[in-house]
N, C-alpha and C. Protein backbone atom coordinates (compact mmCIF):
# COMPACT_ATOMS: atom_id res chain seq x y z
N UNK A 1 -28.89 29.30 -1.34
CA UNK A 1 -27.31 29.42 -1.47
C UNK A 1 -26.35 28.67 -1.02
N UNK A 2 -27.00 27.98 -0.02
CA UNK A 2 -26.08 26.72 0.47
C UNK A 2 -25.37 25.61 -0.42
N UNK A 3 -26.12 25.27 -1.39
CA UNK A 3 -26.08 24.24 -2.04
C UNK A 3 -25.42 24.60 -3.29
N UNK A 4 -25.95 25.78 -4.39
CA UNK A 4 -24.92 26.85 -4.92
C UNK A 4 -23.35 27.09 -4.29
N UNK A 5 -22.99 27.39 -3.20
CA UNK A 5 -21.73 27.15 -2.78
C UNK A 5 -21.11 26.14 -2.75
N UNK A 6 -21.75 24.51 -2.43
CA UNK A 6 -21.24 23.60 -2.21
C UNK A 6 -20.85 23.18 -3.82
N UNK A 7 -21.59 23.57 -4.78
CA UNK A 7 -21.57 22.99 -6.17
C UNK A 7 -20.38 23.98 -7.03
N UNK A 8 -19.83 25.25 -6.29
CA UNK A 8 -18.85 26.13 -6.97
C UNK A 8 -17.72 25.14 -5.99
N UNK A 9 -17.98 24.69 -4.96
CA UNK A 9 -16.71 23.91 -4.37
C UNK A 9 -16.35 22.52 -5.04
N UNK A 10 -17.33 22.19 -5.28
CA UNK A 10 -16.92 20.69 -6.00
C UNK A 10 -16.27 21.03 -7.32
N UNK A 11 -16.93 22.26 -8.52
CA UNK A 11 -16.60 22.81 -9.96
C UNK A 11 -14.86 22.72 -9.04
N UNK A 12 -14.97 23.72 -8.58
CA UNK A 12 -13.46 24.02 -8.46
C UNK A 12 -12.75 23.03 -7.91
N UNK A 13 -12.84 21.92 -7.15
CA UNK A 13 -12.08 21.03 -7.16
C UNK A 13 -11.69 19.69 -8.17
N UNK A 14 -12.67 20.07 -9.15
CA UNK A 14 -12.85 19.23 -10.55
C UNK A 14 -12.31 19.29 -11.49
N UNK A 15 -12.21 21.02 -11.14
CA UNK A 15 -11.21 21.54 -12.48
C UNK A 15 -10.11 22.10 -12.34
N UNK A 16 -9.44 21.85 -10.72
CA UNK A 16 -7.67 22.18 -10.40
C UNK A 16 -7.56 20.68 -10.25
N UNK A 17 -8.01 19.81 -9.68
CA UNK A 17 -7.25 18.40 -9.71
C UNK A 17 -7.29 17.60 -11.23
N UNK A 18 -6.27 17.73 -11.56
CA UNK A 18 -6.47 16.26 -12.67
C UNK A 18 -5.66 15.24 -12.93
N UNK A 19 -6.49 14.07 -13.49
CA UNK A 19 -5.82 12.83 -13.08
C UNK A 19 -4.53 12.83 -13.64
N UNK A 20 -3.35 12.09 -13.42
CA UNK A 20 -2.10 12.74 -13.52
C UNK A 20 -2.53 11.66 -15.51
N UNK A 21 -1.44 11.59 -15.99
CA UNK A 21 -1.21 11.00 -17.61
C UNK A 21 -0.77 9.16 -16.86
N UNK A 22 -1.78 8.56 -17.88
CA UNK A 22 -0.42 7.35 -17.14
C UNK A 22 0.45 6.86 -18.20
N UNK A 23 1.47 6.11 -17.39
CA UNK A 23 2.73 5.93 -18.09
C UNK A 23 2.41 4.62 -18.32
N UNK A 24 3.14 4.02 -19.56
CA UNK A 24 3.73 3.06 -19.99
C UNK A 24 4.77 1.84 -19.20
N UNK A 25 4.13 1.62 -18.53
CA UNK A 25 5.46 0.35 -17.65
C UNK A 25 5.88 -0.99 -18.24
N UNK A 26 6.66 -1.07 -18.41
CA UNK A 26 7.71 -2.07 -19.56
C UNK A 26 7.91 -3.28 -19.16
N UNK A 27 8.48 -3.83 -18.88
CA UNK A 27 9.11 -5.09 -18.61
C UNK A 27 10.46 -4.83 -18.31
N UNK A 28 11.05 -3.95 -18.52
CA UNK A 28 12.59 -3.15 -18.61
C UNK A 28 12.59 -2.67 -17.27
N UNK A 29 11.30 -2.02 -16.99
CA UNK A 29 10.67 -1.08 -15.81
C UNK A 29 10.51 -2.38 -14.32
N UNK A 30 10.04 -3.33 -15.02
CA UNK A 30 9.42 -4.13 -13.56
C UNK A 30 10.77 -5.09 -13.58
N UNK A 31 11.96 -5.27 -14.46
CA UNK A 31 13.31 -5.81 -13.74
C UNK A 31 14.10 -5.06 -13.48
N UNK A 32 13.36 -3.70 -13.79
CA UNK A 32 14.87 -2.87 -12.70
C UNK A 32 14.17 -2.29 -11.43
N UNK A 33 12.45 -2.46 -11.37
CA UNK A 33 12.07 -2.66 -9.90
C UNK A 33 12.55 -3.80 -9.05
N UNK A 34 12.09 -5.18 -9.93
CA UNK A 34 12.55 -6.34 -9.31
C UNK A 34 14.20 -6.47 -9.18
N UNK A 35 14.93 -5.63 -9.80
CA UNK A 35 16.36 -5.64 -9.45
C UNK A 35 16.68 -4.98 -8.48
N UNK A 36 16.31 -4.04 -8.13
CA UNK A 36 16.28 -3.19 -6.65
C UNK A 36 15.65 -3.43 -5.66
N UNK A 37 14.33 -4.32 -6.08
CA UNK A 37 13.61 -4.81 -4.18
C UNK A 37 14.26 -5.81 -4.10
N UNK A 38 15.30 -7.11 -5.47
CA UNK A 38 16.67 -7.76 -4.36
C UNK A 38 17.51 -7.02 -3.58
N UNK A 39 17.84 -6.23 -4.02
CA UNK A 39 19.14 -4.94 -3.97
C UNK A 39 18.85 -4.84 -2.09
N UNK A 40 20.10 -4.76 -1.36
CA UNK A 40 20.20 -4.19 -0.13
C UNK A 40 19.18 -3.33 0.33
N UNK A 41 19.21 -2.32 -0.08
CA UNK A 41 17.70 -1.40 -0.08
C UNK A 41 16.90 -1.86 -0.22
N UNK A 42 16.22 -2.12 -1.68
CA UNK A 42 15.54 -2.87 -1.73
C UNK A 42 14.40 -3.91 -0.45
N UNK A 43 15.75 -4.85 -0.08
CA UNK A 43 15.41 -5.92 1.15
C UNK A 43 15.05 -4.64 2.24
N UNK A 44 15.17 -4.04 2.38
CA UNK A 44 15.05 -3.19 3.80
C UNK A 44 13.91 -2.78 3.00
N UNK A 45 13.48 -1.96 2.03
CA UNK A 45 12.36 -1.13 1.98
C UNK A 45 11.22 -2.55 1.90
N UNK A 46 10.69 -3.70 1.41
CA UNK A 46 10.65 -4.79 1.35
C UNK A 46 9.89 -5.17 3.23
N UNK A 47 11.17 -5.63 3.85
CA UNK A 47 10.61 -5.54 4.98
C UNK A 47 10.03 -4.32 6.05
N UNK A 48 10.59 -3.40 5.21
CA UNK A 48 9.64 -1.87 6.10
C UNK A 48 8.19 -2.47 5.70
N UNK A 49 7.77 -2.27 4.51
CA UNK A 49 6.48 -2.33 4.33
C UNK A 49 6.08 -3.32 4.45
N UNK A 50 6.19 -4.75 4.89
CA UNK A 50 6.14 -5.54 5.84
C UNK A 50 5.42 -5.29 7.14
N UNK A 51 6.22 -4.60 7.62
CA UNK A 51 5.85 -4.23 9.06
C UNK A 51 5.07 -3.63 9.39
N UNK A 52 5.15 -2.63 8.11
CA UNK A 52 3.71 -1.38 8.12
C UNK A 52 2.46 -2.04 7.66
N UNK A 53 2.20 -2.90 6.93
CA UNK A 53 1.54 -4.14 7.48
C UNK A 53 0.44 -4.94 8.49
N UNK A 54 1.78 -5.47 8.84
CA UNK A 54 1.42 -5.69 10.58
C UNK A 54 0.92 -4.70 11.13
N UNK A 55 1.78 -3.53 11.53
CA UNK A 55 1.39 -2.52 12.25
C UNK A 55 0.13 -2.09 11.97
N UNK A 56 -0.44 -1.65 10.82
CA UNK A 56 -1.51 -1.45 10.27
C UNK A 56 -2.81 -2.29 10.89
N UNK A 57 -2.28 -3.42 10.69
CA UNK A 57 -3.29 -4.94 11.15
C UNK A 57 -3.45 -4.89 12.60
N UNK A 58 -2.24 -4.21 13.85
CA UNK A 58 -1.78 -4.60 14.91
C UNK A 58 -3.13 -3.51 15.32
N UNK A 59 -2.82 -2.06 14.55
CA UNK A 59 -3.46 -0.91 15.05
C UNK A 59 -4.79 -0.89 15.03
N UNK A 60 -5.31 -1.81 14.25
CA UNK A 60 -6.92 -2.35 14.11
C UNK A 60 -7.54 -3.12 15.77
N UNK A 61 -6.48 -3.85 15.86
CA UNK A 61 -7.15 -4.76 16.93
C UNK A 61 -6.82 -3.76 18.52
N UNK A 62 -5.80 -2.56 18.43
CA UNK A 62 -5.61 -1.88 19.56
C UNK A 62 -6.88 -0.85 19.94
N UNK A 63 -6.78 -0.33 18.49
CA UNK A 63 -7.20 0.83 18.60
C UNK A 63 -9.17 0.77 18.21
N UNK A 64 -9.73 0.37 18.08
CA UNK A 64 -11.00 -0.16 17.12
C UNK A 64 -11.82 -0.45 18.80
N UNK A 65 -12.29 1.03 18.72
CA UNK A 65 -13.65 1.27 20.09
C UNK A 65 -15.23 1.13 19.27
N UNK A 66 -15.23 0.83 17.92
CA UNK A 66 -16.98 0.48 17.39
C UNK A 66 -16.74 0.38 16.39
N UNK A 67 -17.78 0.43 15.68
CA UNK A 67 -18.52 -0.38 14.20
C UNK A 67 -17.46 0.66 13.51
N UNK A 68 -17.78 2.22 13.68
CA UNK A 68 -17.30 2.73 12.54
C UNK A 68 -15.65 2.95 12.66
N UNK A 69 -15.15 2.97 13.78
CA UNK A 69 -13.66 3.48 14.17
C UNK A 69 -12.86 2.02 13.39
N UNK A 70 -13.84 0.94 13.61
CA UNK A 70 -13.31 -0.59 13.35
C UNK A 70 -13.03 -0.76 11.43
N UNK A 71 -14.07 -0.21 10.84
CA UNK A 71 -14.24 -0.56 9.64
C UNK A 71 -13.38 1.27 8.97
N UNK A 72 -13.06 1.89 9.36
CA UNK A 72 -12.09 3.06 8.68
C UNK A 72 -10.34 2.30 9.06
N UNK A 73 -10.77 1.81 10.05
CA UNK A 73 -8.82 1.25 10.60
C UNK A 73 -8.69 0.32 9.67
N UNK A 74 -9.73 -0.71 9.32
CA UNK A 74 -9.59 -1.93 8.55
C UNK A 74 -9.49 -1.56 6.70
N UNK A 75 -9.65 -0.36 6.52
CA UNK A 75 -9.66 0.28 5.00
C UNK A 75 -9.05 1.00 5.20
N UNK A 76 -8.10 0.93 6.38
CA UNK A 76 -6.80 1.38 6.02
C UNK A 76 -5.80 0.70 6.11
N UNK A 77 -5.79 -0.20 6.66
CA UNK A 77 -4.92 -1.34 6.47
C UNK A 77 -5.22 -1.82 5.31
N UNK A 78 -6.06 -2.13 5.18
CA UNK A 78 -6.24 -3.01 3.66
C UNK A 78 -5.74 -1.77 2.41
N UNK A 79 -5.63 -0.57 2.63
CA UNK A 79 -5.04 0.03 1.17
C UNK A 79 -3.71 -0.08 1.42
N UNK A 80 -3.68 -0.11 2.98
CA UNK A 80 -1.54 -0.08 2.77
C UNK A 80 -1.20 -1.36 2.62
N UNK A 81 -2.00 -2.49 2.32
CA UNK A 81 -1.47 -3.90 1.90
C UNK A 81 -1.65 -3.65 0.48
N UNK A 82 -3.03 -2.88 0.02
CA UNK A 82 -3.08 -3.08 -1.76
C UNK A 82 -2.08 -2.31 -2.23
N UNK A 83 -1.30 -1.36 -1.62
CA UNK A 83 -0.17 -0.36 -1.89
C UNK A 83 0.78 -1.67 -2.54
N UNK A 84 1.54 -1.84 -1.35
CA UNK A 84 2.18 -3.31 -0.81
C UNK A 84 1.94 -4.05 -1.90
N UNK A 85 1.03 -4.96 -2.35
CA UNK A 85 0.74 -5.44 -3.34
C UNK A 85 0.70 -4.89 -4.90
N UNK A 86 0.55 -3.72 -5.21
CA UNK A 86 0.70 -2.95 -6.49
C UNK A 86 2.02 -2.70 -6.73
N UNK A 87 3.00 -2.46 -6.06
CA UNK A 87 4.27 -2.81 -6.30
C UNK A 87 5.23 -3.98 -6.23
N UNK A 88 4.54 -5.05 -5.94
CA UNK A 88 5.16 -6.10 -6.03
C UNK A 88 4.50 -6.30 -7.47
N UNK A 89 3.42 -5.94 -8.01
CA UNK A 89 2.45 -6.21 -9.14
C UNK A 89 3.71 -5.11 -10.16
N UNK A 90 3.61 -4.45 -10.34
CA UNK A 90 4.93 -3.63 -10.76
C UNK A 90 6.05 -4.29 -10.96
N UNK A 91 6.95 -4.87 -9.88
CA UNK A 91 8.48 -5.51 -10.15
C UNK A 91 8.22 -7.27 -10.73
N UNK A 92 6.44 -7.13 -10.58
CA UNK A 92 7.10 -8.80 -11.80
C UNK A 92 6.89 -9.94 -10.52
N UNK A 93 6.60 -9.65 -9.29
CA UNK A 93 6.66 -10.75 -8.15
C UNK A 93 5.25 -11.08 -8.32
N UNK A 94 5.73 -12.75 -8.51
CA UNK A 94 4.68 -13.22 -8.65
C UNK A 94 4.61 -14.62 -7.54
N UNK A 95 5.65 -14.74 -6.64
CA UNK A 95 5.44 -15.53 -5.14
C UNK A 95 4.91 -14.93 -4.36
N UNK A 96 4.01 -13.62 -3.69
CA UNK A 96 3.68 -13.30 -3.09
C UNK A 96 3.90 -13.46 -1.54
N UNK A 97 3.46 -15.20 -1.40
CA UNK A 97 3.61 -15.63 -0.13
C UNK A 97 5.26 -15.92 0.02
N UNK A 98 5.65 -16.05 -1.12
CA UNK A 98 7.45 -16.87 -0.66
C UNK A 98 7.85 -15.05 -0.22
N UNK A 99 7.63 -14.30 -0.49
CA UNK A 99 8.05 -12.88 -0.06
C UNK A 99 7.73 -12.65 1.05
N UNK A 100 6.66 -13.00 2.03
CA UNK A 100 6.11 -12.77 2.73
C UNK A 100 6.97 -13.86 3.75
N UNK A 101 6.61 -15.14 3.42
CA UNK A 101 7.68 -16.01 4.30
C UNK A 101 9.40 -15.76 4.50
N UNK A 102 9.55 -15.31 3.50
CA UNK A 102 11.25 -14.97 3.49
C UNK A 102 11.41 -13.76 4.90
N UNK A 103 10.43 -12.47 4.10
CA UNK A 103 10.33 -11.47 5.02
C UNK A 103 10.66 -11.81 7.02
N UNK A 104 9.11 -12.33 7.25
CA UNK A 104 8.77 -13.48 8.55
C UNK A 104 9.86 -14.05 9.12
N UNK A 105 10.58 -14.95 8.26
CA UNK A 105 11.38 -15.77 8.55
C UNK A 105 13.09 -14.60 8.79
N UNK A 106 13.59 -13.52 7.96
CA UNK A 106 14.01 -12.78 7.78
C UNK A 106 14.32 -11.62 9.40
N UNK A 107 12.72 -11.84 9.75
CA UNK A 107 12.86 -10.68 10.66
C UNK A 107 12.51 -11.19 12.18
N UNK A 108 12.73 -12.69 12.02
CA UNK A 108 12.75 -13.35 13.17
C UNK A 108 11.74 -13.71 14.05
N UNK A 109 10.64 -13.45 13.28
CA UNK A 109 8.94 -13.59 13.52
C UNK A 109 8.44 -15.45 13.28
N UNK A 110 8.54 -15.52 14.11
CA UNK A 110 7.43 -17.11 14.21
C UNK A 110 5.85 -17.26 14.00
N UNK A 111 5.46 -17.39 12.97
CA UNK A 111 4.00 -17.60 13.24
C UNK A 111 3.46 -19.01 14.06
N UNK A 112 2.46 -19.13 14.78
CA UNK A 112 2.52 -20.14 15.48
C UNK A 112 0.84 -20.74 14.66
């Protein structure tokens, strides 16, 4: 009976949760997103996302007490960074290093 309940729960999950329809991403969409990111609000968003990446990485160093926790936090930080990269890719931003260096310079952060 226990396995049957798990099967029913899995069936409900699969039947209720559908993948969203894929959206065609055009060059115009990429140009509009890139223009937004180049604007005042977009630049603030990029800096905020960059700070999120740094804080996610710092959280690993501060919070990880064991290998299991370290693996989980590293995966979380990696997932956050991948999301930021995905937004940059949608905008057609080709030089990710330049964006990161500019954000670091704007924030006053100096790598040693």
